[in-house]
Amino acid sequence: MGGMRVNDRQMKQAMKKMGIKQTSIDGVTEVVIRTKEKEIVIRNADVICVEMPGSKSYQVSGTEEERAVGADGVAKPTFPEEDVSLVMSQANCDRDKAIAALEATDGQPAEAIIKIISE
């Protein structure tokens, strides 16, 4: 439709007429999508629920991280290589200690460095 734009208010009115309701879900800290092989974890997630007659869908945005699923079915976190390297270099520690600190601090490199340094 060459150049025709719909403003926000008109879009909301059209959605309401079609029975579509959109709401933000507050207080979400993470969303986990679990498959047989891995988990996709979205931290600091913003979640929008879109309700249509007969169905609901969710739009999720945030920081994505993948975790491998262990043999016992429990996900083992994996961290970006840059984060592990950063913790190792700044805290002057080995890889295992860096990963353990990242696990203890929910994957936050700055907190992991402080944790190791203050030990």
PDB file of N, CA and C in Angstrom:
ATOM      1  N   MET A   1       0.840  -1.178   0.000  1.00  0.00           N
ATOM      2  CA  MET A   1       0.000   0.000   0.000  1.00  0.00           C
ATOM      3  C   MET A   1       0.882   1.236   0.000  1.00  0.00           C
ATOM      4  N   GLY A   2       1.446   1.592  -1.086  1.00  0.00           N
ATOM      5  CA  GLY A   2       2.401   2.650  -1.303  1.00  0.00           C
ATOM      6  C   GLY A   2       2.319   3.848  -0.388  1.00  0.00           C
ATOM      7  N   GLY A   3       3.128   3.885   0.653  1.00  0.00           N
ATOM      8  CA  GLY A   3       3.254   5.051   1.512  1.00  0.00           C
ATOM      9  C   GLY A   3       2.176   5.202   2.565  1.00  0.00           C
ATOM     10  N   MET A   4       1.175   4.353   2.592  1.00  0.00           N
ATOM     11  CA  MET A   4       0.105   4.471   3.588  1.00  0.00           C
ATOM     12  C   MET A   4       0.592   3.935   4.926  1.00  0.00           C
ATOM     13  N   ARG A   5       0.432   4.746   5.945  1.00  0.00           N
ATOM     14  CA  ARG A   5       0.886   4.337   7.279  1.00  0.00           C
ATOM     15  C   ARG A   5      -0.294   4.280   8.239  1.00  0.00           C
ATOM     16  N   VAL A   6      -0.223   3.358   9.173  1.00  0.00           N
ATOM     17  CA  VAL A   6      -1.243   3.237  10.204  1.00  0.00           C
ATOM     18  C   VAL A   6      -0.611   3.690  11.509  1.00  0.00           C
ATOM     19  N   ASN A   7      -1.258   4.640  12.184  1.00  0.00           N
ATOM     20  CA  ASN A   7      -0.672   5.081  13.446  1.00  0.00           C
ATOM     21  C   ASN A   7      -0.987   4.084  14.552  1.00  0.00           C
ATOM     22  N   ASP A   8      -0.296   4.242  15.665  1.00  0.00           N
ATOM     23  CA  ASP A   8      -0.403   3.312  16.798  1.00  0.00           C
ATOM     24  C   ASP A   8      -1.844   3.182  17.298  1.00  0.00           C
ATOM     25  N   ARG A   9      -2.522   4.295  17.417  1.00  0.00           N
ATOM     26  CA  ARG A   9      -3.896   4.298  17.939  1.00  0.00           C
ATOM     27  C   ARG A   9      -4.822   3.509  17.008  1.00  0.00           C
ATOM     28  N   GLN A  10      -4.688   3.722  15.697  1.00  0.00           N
ATOM     29  CA  GLN A  10      -5.515   3.002  14.741  1.00  0.00           C
ATOM     30  C   GLN A  10      -5.239   1.500  14.790  1.00  0.00           C
ATOM     31  N   MET A  11      -3.949   1.137  14.960  1.00  0.00           N
ATOM     32  CA  MET A  11      -3.579  -0.272  15.040  1.00  0.00           C
ATOM     33  C   MET A  11      -4.214  -0.916  16.270  1.00  0.00           C
ATOM     34  N   LYS A  12      -4.159  -0.240  17.406  1.00  0.00           N
ATOM     35  CA  LYS A  12      -4.755  -0.778  18.639  1.00  0.00           C
ATOM     36  C   LYS A  12      -6.265  -0.946  18.486  1.00  0.00           C
ATOM     37  N   GLN A  13      -6.930   0.023  17.842  1.00  0.00           N
ATOM     38  CA  GLN A  13      -8.377  -0.076  17.627  1.00  0.00           C
ATOM     39  C   GLN A  13      -8.711  -1.253  16.719  1.00  0.00           C
ATOM     40  N   ALA A  14      -7.926  -1.430  15.658  1.00  0.00           N
ATOM     41  CA  ALA A  14      -8.162  -2.554  14.735  1.00  0.00           C
ATOM     42  C   ALA A  14      -7.967  -3.888  15.453  1.00  0.00           C
ATOM     43  N   MET A  15      -6.907  -3.974  16.286  1.00  0.00           N
ATOM     44  CA  MET A  15      -6.658  -5.211  17.033  1.00  0.00           C
ATOM     45  C   MET A  15      -7.803  -5.504  17.990  1.00  0.00           C
ATOM     46  N   LYS A  16      -8.311  -4.468  18.645  1.00  0.00           N
ATOM     47  CA  LYS A  16      -9.418  -4.639  19.591  1.00  0.00           C
ATOM     48  C   LYS A  16     -10.662  -5.154  18.869  1.00  0.00           C
ATOM     49  N   LYS A  17     -10.949  -4.609  17.676  1.00  0.00           N
ATOM     50  CA  LYS A  17     -12.106  -5.055  16.894  1.00  0.00           C
ATOM     51  C   LYS A  17     -11.995  -6.526  16.508  1.00  0.00           C
ATOM     52  N   MET A  18     -10.743  -6.992  16.281  1.00  0.00           N
ATOM     53  CA  MET A  18     -10.532  -8.398  15.910  1.00  0.00           C
ATOM     54  C   MET A  18     -10.441  -9.308  17.132  1.00  0.00           C
ATOM     55  N   GLY A  19     -10.567  -8.738  18.325  1.00  0.00           N
ATOM     56  CA  GLY A  19     -10.497  -9.542  19.539  1.00  0.00           C
ATOM     57  C   GLY A  19      -9.077  -9.879  19.961  1.00  0.00           C
ATOM     58  N   ILE A  20      -8.110  -9.081  19.521  1.00  0.00           N
ATOM     59  CA  ILE A  20      -6.715  -9.315  19.872  1.00  0.00           C
ATOM     60  C   ILE A  20      -6.333  -8.397  21.025  1.00  0.00           C
ATOM     61  N   LYS A  21      -5.798  -8.991  22.071  1.00  0.00           N
ATOM     62  CA  LYS A  21      -5.391  -8.237  23.258  1.00  0.00           C
ATOM     63  C   LYS A  21      -3.904  -8.460  23.483  1.00  0.00           C
ATOM     64  N   GLN A  22      -3.163  -7.395  23.738  1.00  0.00           N
ATOM     65  CA  GLN A  22      -1.719  -7.478  23.936  1.00  0.00           C
ATOM     66  C   GLN A  22      -1.382  -6.913  25.317  1.00  0.00           C
ATOM     67  N   THR A  23      -0.679  -7.722  26.149  1.00  0.00           N
ATOM     68  CA  THR A  23      -0.300  -7.265  27.479  1.00  0.00           C
ATOM     69  C   THR A  23       1.158  -7.616  27.769  1.00  0.00           C
ATOM     70  N   SER A  24       1.787  -6.756  28.546  1.00  0.00           N
ATOM     71  CA  SER A  24       3.174  -6.982  28.957  1.00  0.00           C
ATOM     72  C   SER A  24       3.151  -7.788  30.253  1.00  0.00           C
ATOM     73  N   ILE A  25       4.054  -8.749  30.384  1.00  0.00           N
ATOM     74  CA  ILE A  25       4.160  -9.540  31.603  1.00  0.00           C
ATOM     75  C   ILE A  25       5.320  -8.967  32.412  1.00  0.00           C
ATOM     76  N   ASP A  26       5.020  -8.421  33.570  1.00  0.00           N
ATOM     77  CA  ASP A  26       6.028  -7.764  34.399  1.00  0.00           C
ATOM     78  C   ASP A  26       6.765  -8.760  35.287  1.00  0.00           C
ATOM     79  N   GLY A  27       7.992  -8.394  35.656  1.00  0.00           N
ATOM     80  CA  GLY A  27       8.761  -9.164  36.630  1.00  0.00           C
ATOM     81  C   GLY A  27       9.430 -10.417  36.095  1.00  0.00           C
ATOM     82  N   VAL A  28       9.489 -10.598  34.783  1.00  0.00           N
ATOM     83  CA  VAL A  28      10.124 -11.789  34.210  1.00  0.00           C
ATOM     84  C   VAL A  28      11.638 -11.630  34.287  1.00  0.00           C
ATOM     85  N   THR A  29      12.315 -12.612  34.869  1.00  0.00           N
ATOM     86  CA  THR A  29      13.771 -12.551  34.971  1.00  0.00           C
ATOM     87  C   THR A  29      14.438 -13.399  33.902  1.00  0.00           C
ATOM     88  N   GLU A  30      13.808 -14.527  33.530  1.00  0.00           N
ATOM     89  CA  GLU A  30      14.345 -15.343  32.449  1.00  0.00           C
ATOM     90  C   GLU A  30      13.261 -16.224  31.867  1.00  0.00           C
ATOM     91  N   VAL A  31      13.477 -16.612  30.611  1.00  0.00           N
ATOM     92  CA  VAL A  31      12.590 -17.536  29.908  1.00  0.00           C
ATOM     93  C   VAL A  31      13.466 -18.689  29.429  1.00  0.00           C
ATOM     94  N   VAL A  32      13.007 -19.933  29.637  1.00  0.00           N
ATOM     95  CA  VAL A  32      13.787 -21.098  29.236  1.00  0.00           C
ATOM     96  C   VAL A  32      13.004 -21.876  28.183  1.00  0.00           C
ATOM     97  N   ILE A  33      13.657 -22.139  27.055  1.00  0.00           N
ATOM     98  CA  ILE A  33      13.091 -22.995  26.015  1.00  0.00           C
ATOM     99  C   ILE A  33      13.916 -24.271  26.041  1.00  0.00           C
ATOM    100  N   ARG A  34      13.288 -25.383  26.406  1.00  0.00           N
ATOM    101  CA  ARG A  34      14.010 -26.632  26.605  1.00  0.00           C
ATOM    102  C   ARG A  34      13.711 -27.602  25.467  1.00  0.00           C
ATOM    103  N   THR A  35      14.776 -28.102  24.835  1.00  0.00           N
ATOM    104  CA  THR A  35      14.648 -29.150  23.829  1.00  0.00           C
ATOM    105  C   THR A  35      15.325 -30.405  24.384  1.00  0.00           C
ATOM    106  N   LYS A  36      15.332 -31.477  23.628  1.00  0.00           N
ATOM    107  CA  LYS A  36      15.985 -32.696  24.089  1.00  0.00           C
ATOM    108  C   LYS A  36      17.494 -32.520  24.208  1.00  0.00           C
ATOM    109  N   GLU A  37      18.082 -31.671  23.354  1.00  0.00           N
ATOM    110  CA  GLU A  37      19.530 -31.519  23.318  1.00  0.00           C
ATOM    111  C   GLU A  37      20.070 -30.327  24.092  1.00  0.00           C
ATOM    112  N   LYS A  38      19.271 -29.265  24.245  1.00  0.00           N
ATOM    113  CA  LYS A  38      19.788 -28.039  24.858  1.00  0.00           C
ATOM    114  C   LYS A  38      18.668 -27.204  25.457  1.00  0.00           C
ATOM    115  N   GLU A  39      19.075 -26.175  26.165  1.00  0.00           N
ATOM    116  CA  GLU A  39      18.155 -25.169  26.664  1.00  0.00           C
ATOM    117  C   GLU A  39      18.590 -23.817  26.114  1.00  0.00           C
ATOM    118  N   ILE A  40      17.623 -23.030  25.711  1.00  0.00           N
ATOM    119  CA  ILE A  40      17.889 -21.655  25.315  1.00  0.00           C
ATOM    120  C   ILE A  40      17.328 -20.799  26.446  1.00  0.00           C
ATOM    121  N   VAL A  41      18.215 -20.047  27.084  1.00  0.00           N
ATOM    122  CA  VAL A  41      17.821 -19.228  28.222  1.00  0.00           C
ATOM    123  C   VAL A  41      17.876 -17.773  27.785  1.00  0.00           C
ATOM    124  N   ILE A  42      16.783 -17.060  28.004  1.00  0.00           N
ATOM    125  CA  ILE A  42      16.723 -15.646  27.672  1.00  0.00           C
ATOM    126  C   ILE A  42      16.615 -14.881  28.981  1.00  0.00           C
ATOM    127  N   ARG A  43      17.693 -14.164  29.310  1.00  0.00           N
ATOM    128  CA  ARG A  43      17.768 -13.415  30.568  1.00  0.00           C
ATOM    129  C   ARG A  43      17.318 -11.977  30.351  1.00  0.00           C
ATOM    130  N   ASN A  44      16.936 -11.334  31.472  1.00  0.00           N
ATOM    131  CA  ASN A  44      16.427  -9.959  31.419  1.00  0.00           C
ATOM    132  C   ASN A  44      15.343  -9.863  30.346  1.00  0.00           C
ATOM    133  N   ALA A  45      14.426 -10.818  30.394  1.00  0.00           N
ATOM    134  CA  ALA A  45      13.444 -10.975  29.334  1.00  0.00           C
ATOM    135  C   ALA A  45      12.310  -9.953  29.418  1.00  0.00           C
ATOM    136  N   ASP A  46      11.959  -9.415  28.251  1.00  0.00           N
ATOM    137  CA  ASP A  46      10.735  -8.634  28.091  1.00  0.00           C
ATOM    138  C   ASP A  46       9.767  -9.564  27.380  1.00  0.00           C
ATOM    139  N   VAL A  47       8.579  -9.770  27.990  1.00  0.00           N
ATOM    140  CA  VAL A  47       7.620 -10.717  27.439  1.00  0.00           C
ATOM    141  C   VAL A  47       6.289 -10.015  27.199  1.00  0.00           C
ATOM    142  N   ILE A  48       5.773 -10.176  25.988  1.00  0.00           N
ATOM    143  CA  ILE A  48       4.473  -9.645  25.603  1.00  0.00           C
ATOM    144  C   ILE A  48       3.571 -10.837  25.293  1.00  0.00           C
ATOM    145  N   CYS A  49       2.388 -10.857  25.908  1.00  0.00           N
ATOM    146  CA  CYS A  49       1.408 -11.901  25.630  1.00  0.00           C
ATOM    147  C   CYS A  49       0.385 -11.338  24.649  1.00  0.00           C
ATOM    148  N   VAL A  50       0.183 -12.044  23.537  1.00  0.00           N
ATOM    149  CA  VAL A  50      -0.806 -11.649  22.542  1.00  0.00           C
ATOM    150  C   VAL A  50      -1.915 -12.702  22.570  1.00  0.00           C
ATOM    151  N   GLU A  51      -3.112 -12.255  22.967  1.00  0.00           N
ATOM    152  CA  GLU A  51      -4.257 -13.164  23.064  1.00  0.00           C
ATOM    153  C   GLU A  51      -5.200 -12.915  21.898  1.00  0.00           C
ATOM    154  N   MET A  52      -5.509 -14.003  21.178  1.00  0.00           N
ATOM    155  CA  MET A  52      -6.453 -13.954  20.075  1.00  0.00           C
ATOM    156  C   MET A  52      -7.553 -14.954  20.405  1.00  0.00           C
ATOM    157  N   PRO A  53      -8.701 -14.792  19.820  1.00  0.00           N
ATOM    158  CA  PRO A  53      -9.749 -15.769  20.113  1.00  0.00           C
ATOM    159  C   PRO A  53      -9.248 -17.199  19.869  1.00  0.00           C
ATOM    160  N   GLY A  54      -9.204 -17.977  20.921  1.00  0.00           N
ATOM    161  CA  GLY A  54      -8.803 -19.378  20.813  1.00  0.00           C
ATOM    162  C   GLY A  54      -7.326 -19.660  20.971  1.00  0.00           C
ATOM    163  N   SER A  55      -6.486 -18.637  21.120  1.00  0.00           N
ATOM    164  CA  SER A  55      -5.064 -18.920  21.281  1.00  0.00           C
ATOM    165  C   SER A  55      -4.319 -17.772  21.957  1.00  0.00           C
ATOM    166  N   LYS A  56      -3.139 -18.110  22.452  1.00  0.00           N
ATOM    167  CA  LYS A  56      -2.226 -17.137  23.043  1.00  0.00           C
ATOM    168  C   LYS A  56      -0.864 -17.357  22.423  1.00  0.00           C
ATOM    169  N   SER A  57      -0.127 -16.277  22.238  1.00  0.00           N
ATOM    170  CA  SER A  57       1.270 -16.407  21.821  1.00  0.00           C
ATOM    171  C   SER A  57       2.085 -15.406  22.620  1.00  0.00           C
ATOM    172  N   TYR A  58       3.381 -15.687  22.705  1.00  0.00           N
ATOM    173  CA  TYR A  58       4.268 -14.853  23.508  1.00  0.00           C
ATOM    174  C   TYR A  58       5.419 -14.363  22.648  1.00  0.00           C
ATOM    175  N   GLN A  59       5.714 -13.074  22.782  1.00  0.00           N
ATOM    176  CA  GLN A  59       6.868 -12.483  22.119  1.00  0.00           C
ATOM    177  C   GLN A  59       7.905 -12.230  23.201  1.00  0.00           C
ATOM    178  N   VAL A  60       9.103 -12.790  23.026  1.00  0.00           N
ATOM    179  CA  VAL A  60      10.151 -12.719  24.040  1.00  0.00           C
ATOM    180  C   VAL A  60      11.391 -12.054  23.458  1.00  0.00           C
ATOM    181  N   SER A  61      11.959 -11.110  24.201  1.00  0.00           N
ATOM    182  CA  SER A  61      13.232 -10.526  23.796  1.00  0.00           C
ATOM    183  C   SER A  61      14.116 -10.384  25.017  1.00  0.00           C
ATOM    184  N   GLY A  62      15.421 -10.450  24.822  1.00  0.00           N
ATOM    185  CA  GLY A  62      16.373 -10.348  25.923  1.00  0.00           C
ATOM    186  C   GLY A  62      17.717 -10.909  25.505  1.00  0.00           C
ATOM    187  N   THR A  63      18.559 -11.179  26.495  1.00  0.00           N
ATOM    188  CA  THR A  63      19.894 -11.702  26.253  1.00  0.00           C
ATOM    189  C   THR A  63      19.840 -13.222  26.178  1.00  0.00           C
ATOM    190  N   GLU A  64      20.262 -13.783  25.050  1.00  0.00           N
ATOM    191  CA  GLU A  64      20.167 -15.228  24.808  1.00  0.00           C
ATOM    192  C   GLU A  64      21.450 -15.958  25.195  1.00  0.00           C
ATOM    193  N   GLU A  65      21.262 -17.142  25.765  1.00  0.00           N
ATOM    194  CA  GLU A  65      22.377 -18.011  26.145  1.00  0.00           C
ATOM    195  C   GLU A  65      21.916 -19.449  25.935  1.00  0.00           C
ATOM    196  N   GLU A  66      22.820 -20.307  25.472  1.00  0.00           N
ATOM    197  CA  GLU A  66      22.487 -21.725  25.313  1.00  0.00           C
ATOM    198  C   GLU A  66      23.169 -22.537  26.390  1.00  0.00           C
ATOM    199  N   ARG A  67      22.456 -23.560  26.852  1.00  0.00           N
ATOM    200  CA  ARG A  67      23.030 -24.485  27.832  1.00  0.00           C
ATOM    201  C   ARG A  67      22.814 -25.900  27.317  1.00  0.00           C
ATOM    202  N   ALA A  68      23.837 -26.729  27.532  1.00  0.00           N
ATOM    203  CA  ALA A  68      23.714 -28.142  27.168  1.00  0.00           C
ATOM    204  C   ALA A  68      22.927 -28.861  28.256  1.00  0.00           C
ATOM    205  N   VAL A  69      22.195 -29.872  27.866  1.00  0.00           N
ATOM    206  CA  VAL A  69      21.465 -30.685  28.837  1.00  0.00           C
ATOM    207  C   VAL A  69      22.349 -31.865  29.197  1.00  0.00           C
ATOM    208  N   GLY A  70      22.579 -32.073  30.499  1.00  0.00           N
ATOM    209  CA  GLY A  70      23.421 -33.174  30.966  1.00  0.00           C
ATOM    210  C   GLY A  70      22.726 -34.513  30.830  1.00  0.00           C
ATOM    211  N   ALA A  71      23.472 -35.580  31.101  1.00  0.00           N
ATOM    212  CA  ALA A  71      22.941 -36.947  30.981  1.00  0.00           C
ATOM    213  C   ALA A  71      21.757 -37.185  31.902  1.00  0.00           C
ATOM    214  N   ASP A  72      21.697 -36.465  33.039  1.00  0.00           N
ATOM    215  CA  ASP A  72      20.599 -36.667  33.976  1.00  0.00           C
ATOM    216  C   ASP A  72      19.396 -35.793  33.650  1.00  0.00           C
ATOM    217  N   GLY A  73      19.433 -35.097  32.507  1.00  0.00           N
ATOM    218  CA  GLY A  73      18.309 -34.267  32.105  1.00  0.00           C
ATOM    219  C   GLY A  73      18.343 -32.862  32.684  1.00  0.00           C
ATOM    220  N   VAL A  74      19.324 -32.578  33.528  1.00  0.00           N
ATOM    221  CA  VAL A  74      19.442 -31.250  34.116  1.00  0.00           C
ATOM    222  C   VAL A  74      20.378 -30.427  33.245  1.00  0.00           C
ATOM    223  N   ALA A  75      19.973 -29.217  32.956  1.00  0.00           N
ATOM    224  CA  ALA A  75      20.792 -28.371  32.083  1.00  0.00           C
ATOM    225  C   ALA A  75      22.052 -27.911  32.795  1.00  0.00           C
ATOM    226  N   LYS A  76      23.149 -27.987  32.063  1.00  0.00           N
ATOM    227  CA  LYS A  76      24.413 -27.488  32.573  1.00  0.00           C
ATOM    228  C   LYS A  76      24.699 -26.184  31.835  1.00  0.00           C
ATOM    229  N   PRO A  77      24.883 -25.090  32.572  1.00  0.00           N
ATOM    230  CA  PRO A  77      25.062 -23.818  31.886  1.00  0.00           C
ATOM    231  C   PRO A  77      26.358 -23.750  31.094  1.00  0.00           C
ATOM    232  N   THR A  78      26.283 -23.088  29.965  1.00  0.00           N
ATOM    233  CA  THR A  78      27.473 -22.778  29.180  1.00  0.00           C
ATOM    234  C   THR A  78      27.525 -21.264  29.056  1.00  0.00           C
ATOM    235  N   PHE A  79      28.732 -20.731  28.987  1.00  0.00           N
ATOM    236  CA  PHE A  79      28.893 -19.291  28.955  1.00  0.00           C
ATOM    237  C   PHE A  79      29.659 -18.896  27.712  1.00  0.00           C
ATOM    238  N   PRO A  80      29.406 -17.678  27.216  1.00  0.00           N
ATOM    239  CA  PRO A  80      30.170 -17.224  26.049  1.00  0.00           C
ATOM    240  C   PRO A  80      31.669 -17.266  26.340  1.00  0.00           C
ATOM    241  N   GLU A  81      32.442 -17.684  25.350  1.00  0.00           N
ATOM    242  CA  GLU A  81      33.892 -17.810  25.520  1.00  0.00           C
ATOM    243  C   GLU A  81      34.531 -16.490  25.937  1.00  0.00           C
ATOM    244  N   GLU A  82      33.979 -15.376  25.427  1.00  0.00           N
ATOM    245  CA  GLU A  82      34.525 -14.061  25.796  1.00  0.00           C
ATOM    246  C   GLU A  82      34.411 -13.817  27.302  1.00  0.00           C
ATOM    247  N   ASP A  83      33.274 -14.245  27.893  1.00  0.00           N
ATOM    248  CA  ASP A  83      33.070 -14.054  29.336  1.00  0.00           C
ATOM    249  C   ASP A  83      34.060 -14.893  30.144  1.00  0.00           C
ATOM    250  N   VAL A  84      34.239 -16.149  29.725  1.00  0.00           N
ATOM    251  CA  VAL A  84      35.167 -17.036  30.434  1.00  0.00           C
ATOM    252  C   VAL A  84      36.585 -16.468  30.347  1.00  0.00           C
ATOM    253  N   SER A  85      36.995 -16.055  29.149  1.00  0.00           N
ATOM    254  CA  SER A  85      38.339 -15.489  28.961  1.00  0.00           C
ATOM    255  C   SER A  85      38.537 -14.215  29.773  1.00  0.00           C
ATOM    256  N   LEU A  86      37.520 -13.375  29.809  1.00  0.00           N
ATOM    257  CA  LEU A  86      37.593 -12.132  30.572  1.00  0.00           C
ATOM    258  C   LEU A  86      37.804 -12.412  32.056  1.00  0.00           C
ATOM    259  N   VAL A  87      37.016 -13.331  32.607  1.00  0.00           N
ATOM    260  CA  VAL A  87      37.148 -13.675  34.023  1.00  0.00           C
ATOM    261  C   VAL A  87      38.532 -14.263  34.298  1.00  0.00           C
ATOM    262  N   MET A  88      38.997 -15.164  33.415  1.00  0.00           N
ATOM    263  CA  MET A  88      40.313 -15.773  33.606  1.00  0.00           C
ATOM    264  C   MET A  88      41.418 -14.715  33.621  1.00  0.00           C
ATOM    265  N   SER A  89      41.373 -13.783  32.676  1.00  0.00           N
ATOM    266  CA  SER A  89      42.448 -12.788  32.580  1.00  0.00           C
ATOM    267  C   SER A  89      42.380 -11.757  33.713  1.00  0.00           C
ATOM    268  N   GLN A  90      41.191 -11.314  34.054  1.00  0.00           N
ATOM    269  CA  GLN A  90      41.065 -10.273  35.076  1.00  0.00           C
ATOM    270  C   GLN A  90      41.262 -10.809  36.494  1.00  0.00           C
ATOM    271  N   ALA A  91      40.847 -12.066  36.735  1.00  0.00           N
ATOM    272  CA  ALA A  91      40.979 -12.641  38.070  1.00  0.00           C
ATOM    273  C   ALA A  91      42.223 -13.509  38.200  1.00  0.00           C
ATOM    274  N   ASN A  92      42.966 -13.653  37.092  1.00  0.00           N
ATOM    275  CA  ASN A  92      44.186 -14.456  37.070  1.00  0.00           C
ATOM    276  C   ASN A  92      43.938 -15.867  37.623  1.00  0.00           C
ATOM    277  N   CYS A  93      42.984 -16.556  36.981  1.00  0.00           N
ATOM    278  CA  CYS A  93      42.616 -17.900  37.452  1.00  0.00           C
ATOM    279  C   CYS A  93      42.511 -18.847  36.264  1.00  0.00           C
ATOM    280  N   ASP A  94      42.330 -20.134  36.569  1.00  0.00           N
ATOM    281  CA  ASP A  94      42.186 -21.117  35.505  1.00  0.00           C
ATOM    282  C   ASP A  94      40.737 -21.185  35.018  1.00  0.00           C
ATOM    283  N   ARG A  95      40.526 -21.913  33.936  1.00  0.00           N
ATOM    284  CA  ARG A  95      39.218 -22.009  33.293  1.00  0.00           C
ATOM    285  C   ARG A  95      38.141 -22.569  34.232  1.00  0.00           C
ATOM    286  N   ASP A  96      38.455 -23.655  34.952  1.00  0.00           N
ATOM    287  CA  ASP A  96      37.467 -24.274  35.844  1.00  0.00           C
ATOM    288  C   ASP A  96      36.986 -23.299  36.913  1.00  0.00           C
ATOM    289  N   LYS A  97      37.930 -22.555  37.493  1.00  0.00           N
ATOM    290  CA  LYS A  97      37.568 -21.590  38.533  1.00  0.00           C
ATOM    291  C   LYS A  97      36.715 -20.460  37.940  1.00  0.00           C
ATOM    292  N   ALA A  98      37.033 -20.019  36.726  1.00  0.00           N
ATOM    293  CA  ALA A  98      36.261 -18.964  36.065  1.00  0.00           C
ATOM    294  C   ALA A  98      34.827 -19.431  35.800  1.00  0.00           C
ATOM    295  N   ILE A  99      34.688 -20.656  35.305  1.00  0.00           N
ATOM    296  CA  ILE A  99      33.352 -21.204  35.022  1.00  0.00           C
ATOM    297  C   ILE A  99      32.561 -21.378  36.312  1.00  0.00           C
ATOM    298  N   ALA A 100      33.210 -21.875  37.366  1.00  0.00           N
ATOM    299  CA  ALA A 100      32.525 -22.043  38.651  1.00  0.00           C
ATOM    300  C   ALA A 100      32.026 -20.697  39.174  1.00  0.00           C
ATOM    301  N   ALA A 101      32.844 -19.657  39.034  1.00  0.00           N
ATOM    302  CA  ALA A 101      32.444 -18.319  39.494  1.00  0.00           C
ATOM    303  C   ALA A 101      31.295 -17.772  38.646  1.00  0.00           C
ATOM    304  N   LEU A 102      31.325 -18.019  37.344  1.00  0.00           N
ATOM    305  CA  LEU A 102      30.223 -17.590  36.478  1.00  0.00           C
ATOM    306  C   LEU A 102      28.924 -18.319  36.841  1.00  0.00           C
ATOM    307  N   GLU A 103      29.033 -19.601  37.145  1.00  0.00           N
ATOM    308  CA  GLU A 103      27.853 -20.357  37.568  1.00  0.00           C
ATOM    309  C   GLU A 103      27.285 -19.789  38.860  1.00  0.00           C
ATOM    310  N   ALA A 104      28.165 -19.434  39.794  1.00  0.00           N
ATOM    311  CA  ALA A 104      27.732 -18.916  41.097  1.00  0.00           C
ATOM    312  C   ALA A 104      27.122 -17.522  41.002  1.00  0.00           C
ATOM    313  N   THR A 105      27.437 -16.806  39.919  1.00  0.00           N
ATOM    314  CA  THR A 105      26.953 -15.425  39.782  1.00  0.00           C
ATOM    315  C   THR A 105      25.973 -15.272  38.618  1.00  0.00           C
ATOM    316  N   ASP A 106      25.320 -16.362  38.242  1.00  0.00           N
ATOM    317  CA  ASP A 106      24.337 -16.352  37.153  1.00  0.00           C
ATOM    318  C   ASP A 106      24.885 -15.774  35.859  1.00  0.00           C
ATOM    319  N   GLY A 107      26.160 -16.083  35.561  1.00  0.00           N
ATOM    320  CA  GLY A 107      26.753 -15.690  34.298  1.00  0.00           C
ATOM    321  C   GLY A 107      27.173 -14.235  34.194  1.00  0.00           C
ATOM    322  N   GLN A 108      27.284 -13.552  35.323  1.00  0.00           N
ATOM    323  CA  GLN A 108      27.678 -12.143  35.321  1.00  0.00           C
ATOM    324  C   GLN A 108      29.192 -12.029  35.482  1.00  0.00           C
ATOM    325  N   PRO A 109      29.928 -11.688  34.404  1.00  0.00           N
ATOM    326  CA  PRO A 109      31.395 -11.664  34.462  1.00  0.00           C
ATOM    327  C   PRO A 109      31.960 -10.738  35.543  1.00  0.00           C
ATOM    328  N   ALA A 110      31.423  -9.546  35.679  1.00  0.00           N
ATOM    329  CA  ALA A 110      31.958  -8.597  36.671  1.00  0.00           C
ATOM    330  C   ALA A 110      31.821  -9.159  38.080  1.00  0.00           C
ATOM    331  N   GLU A 111      30.666  -9.738  38.368  1.00  0.00           N
ATOM    332  CA  GLU A 111      30.448 -10.328  39.695  1.00  0.00           C
ATOM    333  C   GLU A 111      31.359 -11.538  39.909  1.00  0.00           C
ATOM    334  N   ALA A 112      31.577 -12.321  38.847  1.00  0.00           N
ATOM    335  CA  ALA A 112      32.458 -13.490  38.957  1.00  0.00           C
ATOM    336  C   ALA A 112      33.889 -13.067  39.267  1.00  0.00           C
ATOM    337  N   ILE A 113      34.359 -11.992  38.619  1.00  0.00           N
ATOM    338  CA  ILE A 113      35.710 -11.492  38.874  1.00  0.00           C
ATOM    339  C   ILE A 113      35.831 -11.036  40.321  1.00  0.00           C
ATOM    340  N   ILE A 114      34.865 -10.279  40.779  1.00  0.00           N
ATOM    341  CA  ILE A 114      34.883  -9.787  42.182  1.00  0.00           C
ATOM    342  C   ILE A 114      34.860 -10.975  43.145  1.00  0.00           C
ATOM    343  N   LYS A 115      34.034 -11.985  42.852  1.00  0.00           N
ATOM    344  CA  LYS A 115      33.951 -13.161  43.716  1.00  0.00           C
ATOM    345  C   LYS A 115      35.317 -13.850  43.863  1.00  0.00           C
ATOM    346  N   ILE A 116      36.006 -14.038  42.751  1.00  0.00           N
ATOM    347  CA  ILE A 116      37.317 -14.722  42.782  1.00  0.00           C
ATOM    348  C   ILE A 116      38.349 -13.871  43.499  1.00  0.00           C
ATOM    349  N   ILE A 117      38.398 -12.605  43.191  1.00  0.00           N
ATOM    350  CA  ILE A 117      39.377 -11.706  43.780  1.00  0.00           C
ATOM    351  C   ILE A 117      39.181 -11.580  45.299  1.00  0.00           C
ATOM    352  N   SER A 118      37.925 -11.608  45.737  1.00  0.00           N
ATOM    353  CA  SER A 118      37.661 -11.432  47.172  1.00  0.00           C
ATOM    354  C   SER A 118      37.788 -12.716  47.983  1.00  0.00           C
ATOM    355  N   GLU A 119      38.096 -13.839  47.343  1.00  0.00           N
ATOM    356  CA  GLU A 119      38.229 -15.113  48.066  1.00  0.00           C
ATOM    357  C   GLU A 119      39.509 -15.169  48.849  1.00  0.00           C
TER     358      GLU A 119
END
